PDB file of all heavy atoms in Angstrom:
ATOM      1  N   GLU A   1      66.730 112.785  40.756  1.00  0.00           N
ATOM      2  CA  GLU A   1      65.471 113.543  40.712  1.00  0.00           C
ATOM      3  C   GLU A   1      64.395 112.769  39.957  1.00  0.00           C
ATOM      4  O   GLU A   1      64.628 112.243  38.869  1.00  0.00           O
ATOM      5  CB  GLU A   1      65.718 114.899  40.037  1.00  0.00           C
ATOM      6  CG  GLU A   1      64.579 115.876  40.279  1.00  0.00           C
ATOM      7  CD  GLU A   1      64.897 117.288  39.807  1.00  0.00           C
ATOM      8  OE1 GLU A   1      66.082 117.582  39.540  1.00  0.00           O
ATOM      9  OE2 GLU A   1      63.952 118.075  39.716  1.00  0.00           O
ATOM     10  N   GLY A   2      63.212 112.665  40.597  1.00  0.00           N
ATOM     11  CA  GLY A   2      62.094 111.971  39.964  1.00  0.00           C
ATOM     12  C   GLY A   2      62.091 110.473  40.177  1.00  0.00           C
ATOM     13  O   GLY A   2      61.204 109.777  39.687  1.00  0.00           O
ATOM     14  N   HIS A   3      63.099 109.947  40.900  1.00  0.00           N
ATOM     15  CA  HIS A   3      63.181 108.508  41.160  1.00  0.00           C
ATOM     16  C   HIS A   3      63.260 108.252  42.662  1.00  0.00           C
ATOM     17  O   HIS A   3      63.738 109.093  43.416  1.00  0.00           O
ATOM     18  CB  HIS A   3      64.431 107.911  40.483  1.00  0.00           C
ATOM     19  CG  HIS A   3      64.379 107.924  38.992  1.00  0.00           C
ATOM     20  ND1 HIS A   3      64.584 109.076  38.263  1.00  0.00           N
ATOM     21  CD2 HIS A   3      64.151 106.933  38.094  1.00  0.00           C
ATOM     22  CE1 HIS A   3      64.480 108.798  36.965  1.00  0.00           C
ATOM     23  NE2 HIS A   3      64.218 107.491  36.836  1.00  0.00           N
ATOM     24  N   PRO A   4      62.809 107.078  43.110  1.00  0.00           N
ATOM     25  CA  PRO A   4      62.934 106.753  44.536  1.00  0.00           C
ATOM     26  C   PRO A   4      64.403 106.554  44.922  1.00  0.00           C
ATOM     27  O   PRO A   4      65.237 106.226  44.076  1.00  0.00           O
ATOM     28  CB  PRO A   4      62.148 105.442  44.687  1.00  0.00           C
ATOM     29  CG  PRO A   4      62.114 104.850  43.325  1.00  0.00           C
ATOM     30  CD  PRO A   4      62.134 106.001  42.358  1.00  0.00           C
ATOM     31  N   VAL A   5      64.697 106.772  46.225  1.00  0.00           N
ATOM     32  CA  VAL A   5      66.064 106.567  46.718  1.00  0.00           C
ATOM     33  C   VAL A   5      66.381 105.075  46.687  1.00  0.00           C
ATOM     34  O   VAL A   5      65.579 104.235  47.086  1.00  0.00           O
ATOM     35  CB  VAL A   5      66.199 107.117  48.157  1.00  0.00           C
ATOM     36  CG1 VAL A   5      67.557 106.740  48.745  1.00  0.00           C
ATOM     37  CG2 VAL A   5      66.021 108.622  48.167  1.00  0.00           C
ATOM     38  N   LEU A   6      67.560 104.750  46.187  1.00  0.00           N
ATOM     39  CA  LEU A   6      67.969 103.354  46.043  1.00  0.00           C
ATOM     40  C   LEU A   6      69.105 103.046  47.015  1.00  0.00           C
ATOM     41  O   LEU A   6      70.084 103.795  47.100  1.00  0.00           O
ATOM     42  CB  LEU A   6      68.450 103.119  44.605  1.00  0.00           C
ATOM     43  CG  LEU A   6      69.019 101.737  44.261  1.00  0.00           C
ATOM     44  CD1 LEU A   6      67.918 100.683  44.285  1.00  0.00           C
ATOM     45  CD2 LEU A   6      69.702 101.779  42.905  1.00  0.00           C
ATOM     46  N   VAL A   7      68.980 101.948  47.772  1.00  0.00           N
ATOM     47  CA  VAL A   7      70.082 101.483  48.627  1.00  0.00           C
ATOM     48  C   VAL A   7      70.980 100.597  47.761  1.00  0.00           C
ATOM     49  O   VAL A   7      70.580  99.512  47.344  1.00  0.00           O
ATOM     50  CB  VAL A   7      69.570 100.714  49.868  1.00  0.00           C
ATOM     51  CG1 VAL A   7      70.751 100.189  50.685  1.00  0.00           C
ATOM     52  CG2 VAL A   7      68.696 101.616  50.732  1.00  0.00           C
ATOM     53  N   VAL A   8      72.182 101.081  47.480  1.00  0.00           N
ATOM     54  CA  VAL A   8      73.100 100.396  46.570  1.00  0.00           C
ATOM     55  C   VAL A   8      73.834  99.254  47.279  1.00  0.00           C
ATOM     56  O   VAL A   8      74.022  98.175  46.738  1.00  0.00           O
ATOM     57  CB  VAL A   8      74.129 101.402  45.995  1.00  0.00           C
ATOM     58  CG1 VAL A   8      75.131 100.704  45.077  1.00  0.00           C
ATOM     59  CG2 VAL A   8      73.410 102.521  45.258  1.00  0.00           C
ATOM     60  N   ALA A   9      74.258  99.501  48.505  1.00  0.00           N
ATOM     61  CA  ALA A   9      75.017  98.491  49.252  1.00  0.00           C
ATOM     62  C   ALA A   9      74.950  98.790  50.742  1.00  0.00           C
ATOM     63  O   ALA A   9      74.690  99.936  51.141  1.00  0.00           O
ATOM     64  CB  ALA A   9      76.468  98.482  48.798  1.00  0.00           C
ATOM     65  N   GLU A  10      75.175  97.757  51.558  1.00  0.00           N
ATOM     66  CA  GLU A  10      75.208  97.929  53.010  1.00  0.00           C
ATOM     67  C   GLU A  10      76.446  97.243  53.575  1.00  0.00           C
ATOM     68  O   GLU A  10      76.897  96.230  53.051  1.00  0.00           O
ATOM     69  CB  GLU A  10      73.949  97.336  53.664  1.00  0.00           C
ATOM     70  CG  GLU A  10      72.693  98.162  53.409  1.00  0.00           C
ATOM     71  CD  GLU A  10      71.486  97.621  54.166  1.00  0.00           C
ATOM     72  OE1 GLU A  10      71.350  96.381  54.233  1.00  0.00           O
ATOM     73  OE2 GLU A  10      70.702  98.438  54.674  1.00  0.00           O
ATOM     74  N   GLU A  11      76.982  97.817  54.630  1.00  0.00           N
ATOM     75  CA  GLU A  11      78.192  97.273  55.251  1.00  0.00           C
ATOM     76  C   GLU A  11      78.205  97.691  56.721  1.00  0.00           C
ATOM     77  O   GLU A  11      77.453  98.585  57.121  1.00  0.00           O
ATOM     78  CB  GLU A  11      79.424  97.832  54.513  1.00  0.00           C
ATOM     79  CG  GLU A  11      80.775  97.268  54.919  1.00  0.00           C
ATOM     80  CD  GLU A  11      80.851  95.763  54.835  1.00  0.00           C
ATOM     81  OE1 GLU A  11      81.196  95.220  53.773  1.00  0.00           O
ATOM     82  OE2 GLU A  11      80.529  95.135  55.875  1.00  0.00           O
ATOM     83  N   SER A  12      79.029  97.034  57.511  1.00  0.00           N
ATOM     84  CA  SER A  12      79.180  97.466  58.906  1.00  0.00           C
ATOM     85  C   SER A  12      80.423  98.336  59.025  1.00  0.00           C
ATOM     86  O   SER A  12      81.362  98.214  58.224  1.00  0.00           O
ATOM     87  CB  SER A  12      79.278  96.258  59.839  1.00  0.00           C
ATOM     88  OG  SER A  12      80.395  95.469  59.485  1.00  0.00           O
ATOM     89  N   PHE A  13      80.416  99.234  60.002  1.00  0.00           N
ATOM     90  CA  PHE A  13      81.496 100.200  60.188  1.00  0.00           C
ATOM     91  C   PHE A  13      81.725 100.312  61.686  1.00  0.00           C
ATOM     92  O   PHE A  13      80.784 100.518  62.442  1.00  0.00           O
ATOM     93  CB  PHE A  13      81.073 101.548  59.590  1.00  0.00           C
ATOM     94  CG  PHE A  13      82.142 102.607  59.579  1.00  0.00           C
ATOM     95  CD1 PHE A  13      83.025 102.720  58.513  1.00  0.00           C
ATOM     96  CD2 PHE A  13      82.246 103.519  60.623  1.00  0.00           C
ATOM     97  CE1 PHE A  13      83.994 103.708  58.495  1.00  0.00           C
ATOM     98  CE2 PHE A  13      83.211 104.510  60.606  1.00  0.00           C
ATOM     99  CZ  PHE A  13      84.087 104.604  59.545  1.00  0.00           C
ATOM    100  N   GLN A  14      82.974 100.176  62.115  1.00  0.00           N
ATOM    101  CA  GLN A  14      83.235 100.135  63.544  1.00  0.00           C
ATOM    102  C   GLN A  14      83.915 101.414  64.040  1.00  0.00           C
ATOM    103  O   GLN A  14      84.926 101.837  63.496  1.00  0.00           O
ATOM    104  CB  GLN A  14      84.124  98.928  63.883  1.00  0.00           C
ATOM    105  CG  GLN A  14      84.231  98.669  65.376  1.00  0.00           C
ATOM    106  CD  GLN A  14      85.023  97.414  65.685  1.00  0.00           C
ATOM    107  OE1 GLN A  14      85.639  96.819  64.799  1.00  0.00           O
ATOM    108  NE2 GLN A  14      85.021  97.006  66.945  1.00  0.00           N
ATOM    109  N   PHE A  15      83.310 102.013  65.062  1.00  0.00           N
ATOM    110  CA  PHE A  15      83.938 103.144  65.742  1.00  0.00           C
ATOM    111  C   PHE A  15      84.711 102.577  66.928  1.00  0.00           C
ATOM    112  O   PHE A  15      84.129 101.917  67.790  1.00  0.00           O
ATOM    113  CB  PHE A  15      82.887 104.148  66.239  1.00  0.00           C
ATOM    114  CG  PHE A  15      82.287 104.978  65.139  1.00  0.00           C
ATOM    115  CD1 PHE A  15      81.100 104.603  64.528  1.00  0.00           C
ATOM    116  CD2 PHE A  15      82.911 106.138  64.700  1.00  0.00           C
ATOM    117  CE1 PHE A  15      80.542 105.369  63.501  1.00  0.00           C
ATOM    118  CE2 PHE A  15      82.369 106.904  63.674  1.00  0.00           C
ATOM    119  CZ  PHE A  15      81.190 106.514  63.084  1.00  0.00           C
ATOM    120  N   VAL A  16      86.022 102.802  66.954  1.00  0.00           N
ATOM    121  CA  VAL A  16      86.858 102.205  67.998  1.00  0.00           C
ATOM    122  C   VAL A  16      87.352 103.270  68.972  1.00  0.00           C
ATOM    123  O   VAL A  16      87.406 104.453  68.650  1.00  0.00           O
ATOM    124  CB  VAL A  16      88.077 101.466  67.394  1.00  0.00           C
ATOM    125  CG1 VAL A  16      87.623 100.292  66.529  1.00  0.00           C
ATOM    126  CG2 VAL A  16      88.955 102.407  66.586  1.00  0.00           C
ATOM    127  N   GLN A  17      87.698 102.810  70.153  1.00  0.00           N
ATOM    128  CA  GLN A  17      88.204 103.713  71.181  1.00  0.00           C
ATOM    129  C   GLN A  17      89.706 103.905  70.975  1.00  0.00           C
ATOM    130  O   GLN A  17      90.457 102.929  70.940  1.00  0.00           O
ATOM    131  CB  GLN A  17      87.928 103.115  72.562  1.00  0.00           C
ATOM    132  CG  GLN A  17      88.223 104.066  73.704  1.00  0.00           C
ATOM    133  CD  GLN A  17      87.428 103.725  74.953  1.00  0.00           C
ATOM    134  OE1 GLN A  17      86.377 103.094  74.868  1.00  0.00           O
ATOM    135  NE2 GLN A  17      87.918 104.120  76.099  1.00  0.00           N
ATOM    136  N   ASP A  18      90.144 105.154  70.820  1.00  0.00           N
ATOM    137  CA  ASP A  18      91.569 105.419  70.635  1.00  0.00           C
ATOM    138  C   ASP A  18      92.117 106.235  71.803  1.00  0.00           C
ATOM    139  O   ASP A  18      91.414 106.531  72.765  1.00  0.00           O
ATOM    140  CB  ASP A  18      91.817 106.125  69.299  1.00  0.00           C
ATOM    141  CG  ASP A  18      91.110 107.473  69.203  1.00  0.00           C
ATOM    142  OD1 ASP A  18      90.505 107.906  70.216  1.00  0.00           O
ATOM    143  OD2 ASP A  18      91.160 108.099  68.135  1.00  0.00           O
ATOM    144  N   GLU A  19      93.386 106.616  71.704  1.00  0.00           N
ATOM    145  CA  GLU A  19      94.037 107.343  72.807  1.00  0.00           C
ATOM    146  C   GLU A  19      93.378 108.693  73.065  1.00  0.00           C
ATOM    147  O   GLU A  19      93.277 109.138  74.212  1.00  0.00           O
ATOM    148  CB  GLU A  19      95.533 107.556  72.495  1.00  0.00           C
ATOM    149  CG  GLU A  19      96.372 106.298  72.496  1.00  0.00           C
ATOM    150  CD  GLU A  19      96.376 105.595  71.141  1.00  0.00           C
ATOM    151  OE1 GLU A  19      95.572 105.972  70.257  1.00  0.00           O
ATOM    152  OE2 GLU A  19      97.184 104.660  70.976  1.00  0.00           O
ATOM    153  N   ALA A  20      92.931 109.357  71.992  1.00  0.00           N
ATOM    154  CA  ALA A  20      92.298 110.670  72.165  1.00  0.00           C
ATOM    155  C   ALA A  20      90.992 110.537  72.950  1.00  0.00           C
ATOM    156  O   ALA A  20      90.687 111.359  73.821  1.00  0.00           O
ATOM    157  CB  ALA A  20      92.029 111.304  70.800  1.00  0.00           C
ATOM    158  N   TYR A  21      90.235 109.478  72.641  1.00  0.00           N
ATOM    159  CA  TYR A  21      88.974 109.231  73.357  1.00  0.00           C
ATOM    160  C   TYR A  21      89.265 108.933  74.833  1.00  0.00           C
ATOM    161  O   TYR A  21      88.592 109.437  75.729  1.00  0.00           O
ATOM    162  CB  TYR A  21      88.245 108.068  72.689  1.00  0.00           C
ATOM    163  CG  TYR A  21      86.827 107.838  73.174  1.00  0.00           C
ATOM    164  CD1 TYR A  21      85.756 108.491  72.576  1.00  0.00           C
ATOM    165  CD2 TYR A  21      86.561 106.964  74.226  1.00  0.00           C
ATOM    166  CE1 TYR A  21      84.454 108.277  73.010  1.00  0.00           C
ATOM    167  CE2 TYR A  21      85.264 106.747  74.667  1.00  0.00           C
ATOM    168  CZ  TYR A  21      84.214 107.402  74.050  1.00  0.00           C
ATOM    169  OH  TYR A  21      82.931 107.191  74.482  1.00  0.00           O
ATOM    170  N   ASP A  22      90.296 108.101  75.067  1.00  0.00           N
ATOM    171  CA  ASP A  22      90.692 107.783  76.449  1.00  0.00           C
ATOM    172  C   ASP A  22      91.092 109.047  77.203  1.00  0.00           C
ATOM    173  O   ASP A  22      90.719 109.243  78.361  1.00  0.00           O
ATOM    174  CB  ASP A  22      91.882 106.807  76.455  1.00  0.00           C
ATOM    175  CG  ASP A  22      91.483 105.400  76.023  1.00  0.00           C
ATOM    176  OD1 ASP A  22      90.281 105.069  76.137  1.00  0.00           O
ATOM    177  OD2 ASP A  22      92.369 104.643  75.586  1.00  0.00           O
ATOM    178  N   ALA A  23      91.881 109.900  76.526  1.00  0.00           N
ATOM    179  CA  ALA A  23      92.352 111.133  77.159  1.00  0.00           C
ATOM    180  C   ALA A  23      91.178 112.054  77.498  1.00  0.00           C
ATOM    181  O   ALA A  23      91.121 112.631  78.593  1.00  0.00           O
ATOM    182  CB  ALA A  23      93.333 111.853  76.232  1.00  0.00           C
ATOM    183  N   ALA A  24      90.223 112.188  76.567  1.00  0.00           N
ATOM    184  CA  ALA A  24      89.058 113.044  76.801  1.00  0.00           C
ATOM    185  C   ALA A  24      88.229 112.513  77.966  1.00  0.00           C
ATOM    186  O   ALA A  24      87.768 113.279  78.825  1.00  0.00           O
ATOM    187  CB  ALA A  24      88.207 113.141  75.538  1.00  0.00           C
ATOM    188  N   GLN A  25      88.029 111.196  78.020  1.00  0.00           N
ATOM    189  CA  GLN A  25      87.274 110.602  79.124  1.00  0.00           C
ATOM    190  C   GLN A  25      87.974 110.838  80.457  1.00  0.00           C
ATOM    191  O   GLN A  25      87.340 111.160  81.460  1.00  0.00           O
ATOM    192  CB  GLN A  25      87.096 109.101  78.890  1.00  0.00           C
ATOM    193  CG  GLN A  25      85.966 108.762  77.945  1.00  0.00           C
ATOM    194  CD  GLN A  25      85.567 107.295  78.058  1.00  0.00           C
ATOM    195  OE1 GLN A  25      86.421 106.418  78.103  1.00  0.00           O
ATOM    196  NE2 GLN A  25      84.288 107.031  78.108  1.00  0.00           N
ATOM    197  N   PHE A  26      89.301 110.662  80.462  1.00  0.00           N
ATOM    198  CA  PHE A  26      90.077 110.868  81.687  1.00  0.00           C
ATOM    199  C   PHE A  26      89.955 112.315  82.157  1.00  0.00           C
ATOM    200  O   PHE A  26      89.681 112.591  83.326  1.00  0.00           O
ATOM    201  CB  PHE A  26      91.546 110.501  81.452  1.00  0.00           C
ATOM    202  CG  PHE A  26      92.466 110.911  82.573  1.00  0.00           C
ATOM    203  CD1 PHE A  26      92.434 110.233  83.786  1.00  0.00           C
ATOM    204  CD2 PHE A  26      93.345 111.970  82.415  1.00  0.00           C
ATOM    205  CE1 PHE A  26      93.272 110.621  84.836  1.00  0.00           C
ATOM    206  CE2 PHE A  26      94.176 112.355  83.451  1.00  0.00           C
ATOM    207  CZ  PHE A  26      94.139 111.684  84.666  1.00  0.00           C
ATOM    208  N   LEU A  27      90.144 113.261  81.226  1.00  0.00           N
ATOM    209  CA  LEU A  27      90.089 114.678  81.589  1.00  0.00           C
ATOM    210  C   LEU A  27      88.697 115.080  82.069  1.00  0.00           C
ATOM    211  O   LEU A  27      88.555 115.825  83.047  1.00  0.00           O
ATOM    212  CB  LEU A  27      90.511 115.546  80.399  1.00  0.00           C
ATOM    213  CG  LEU A  27      91.994 115.463  80.025  1.00  0.00           C
ATOM    214  CD1 LEU A  27      92.249 116.144  78.686  1.00  0.00           C
ATOM    215  CD2 LEU A  27      92.862 116.097  81.112  1.00  0.00           C
ATOM    216  N   ALA A  28      87.669 114.574  81.393  1.00  0.00           N
ATOM    217  CA  ALA A  28      86.290 114.900  81.802  1.00  0.00           C
ATOM    218  C   ALA A  28      86.008 114.380  83.201  1.00  0.00           C
ATOM    219  O   ALA A  28      85.334 115.036  84.004  1.00  0.00           O
ATOM    220  CB  ALA A  28      85.298 114.302  80.803  1.00  0.00           C
ATOM    221  N   SER A  29      86.546 113.193  83.515  1.00  0.00           N
ATOM    222  CA  SER A  29      86.269 112.586  84.820  1.00  0.00           C
ATOM    223  C   SER A  29      87.073 113.229  85.950  1.00  0.00           C
ATOM    224  O   SER A  29      86.702 113.120  87.109  1.00  0.00           O
ATOM    225  CB  SER A  29      86.556 111.078  84.779  1.00  0.00           C
ATOM    226  OG  SER A  29      87.942 110.860  84.603  1.00  0.00           O
ATOM    227  N   CYS A  30      88.193 113.926  85.593  1.00  0.00           N
ATOM    228  CA  CYS A  30      89.005 114.490  86.672  1.00  0.00           C
ATOM    229  C   CYS A  30      88.798 115.994  86.843  1.00  0.00           C
ATOM    230  O   CYS A  30      89.595 116.660  87.508  1.00  0.00           O
ATOM    231  CB  CYS A  30      90.482 114.148  86.492  1.00  0.00           C
ATOM    232  SG  CYS A  30      91.331 115.020  85.176  1.00  0.00           S
ATOM    233  N   ALA A  31      87.726 116.543  86.274  1.00  0.00           N
ATOM    234  CA  ALA A  31      87.397 117.952  86.511  1.00  0.00           C
ATOM    235  C   ALA A  31      87.179 118.140  88.013  1.00  0.00           C
ATOM    236  O   ALA A  31      86.343 117.478  88.616  1.00  0.00           O
ATOM    237  CB  ALA A  31      86.139 118.342  85.740  1.00  0.00           C
TER     238      ALA A  31
END
């Protein structure tokens, strides 16, 4: 409070495709 927002650190973060994502894509496509 009363101070500007400070960026302490930055990093990359990877969202990967897993079996659940594959299953959801398959089910959505076979409606």
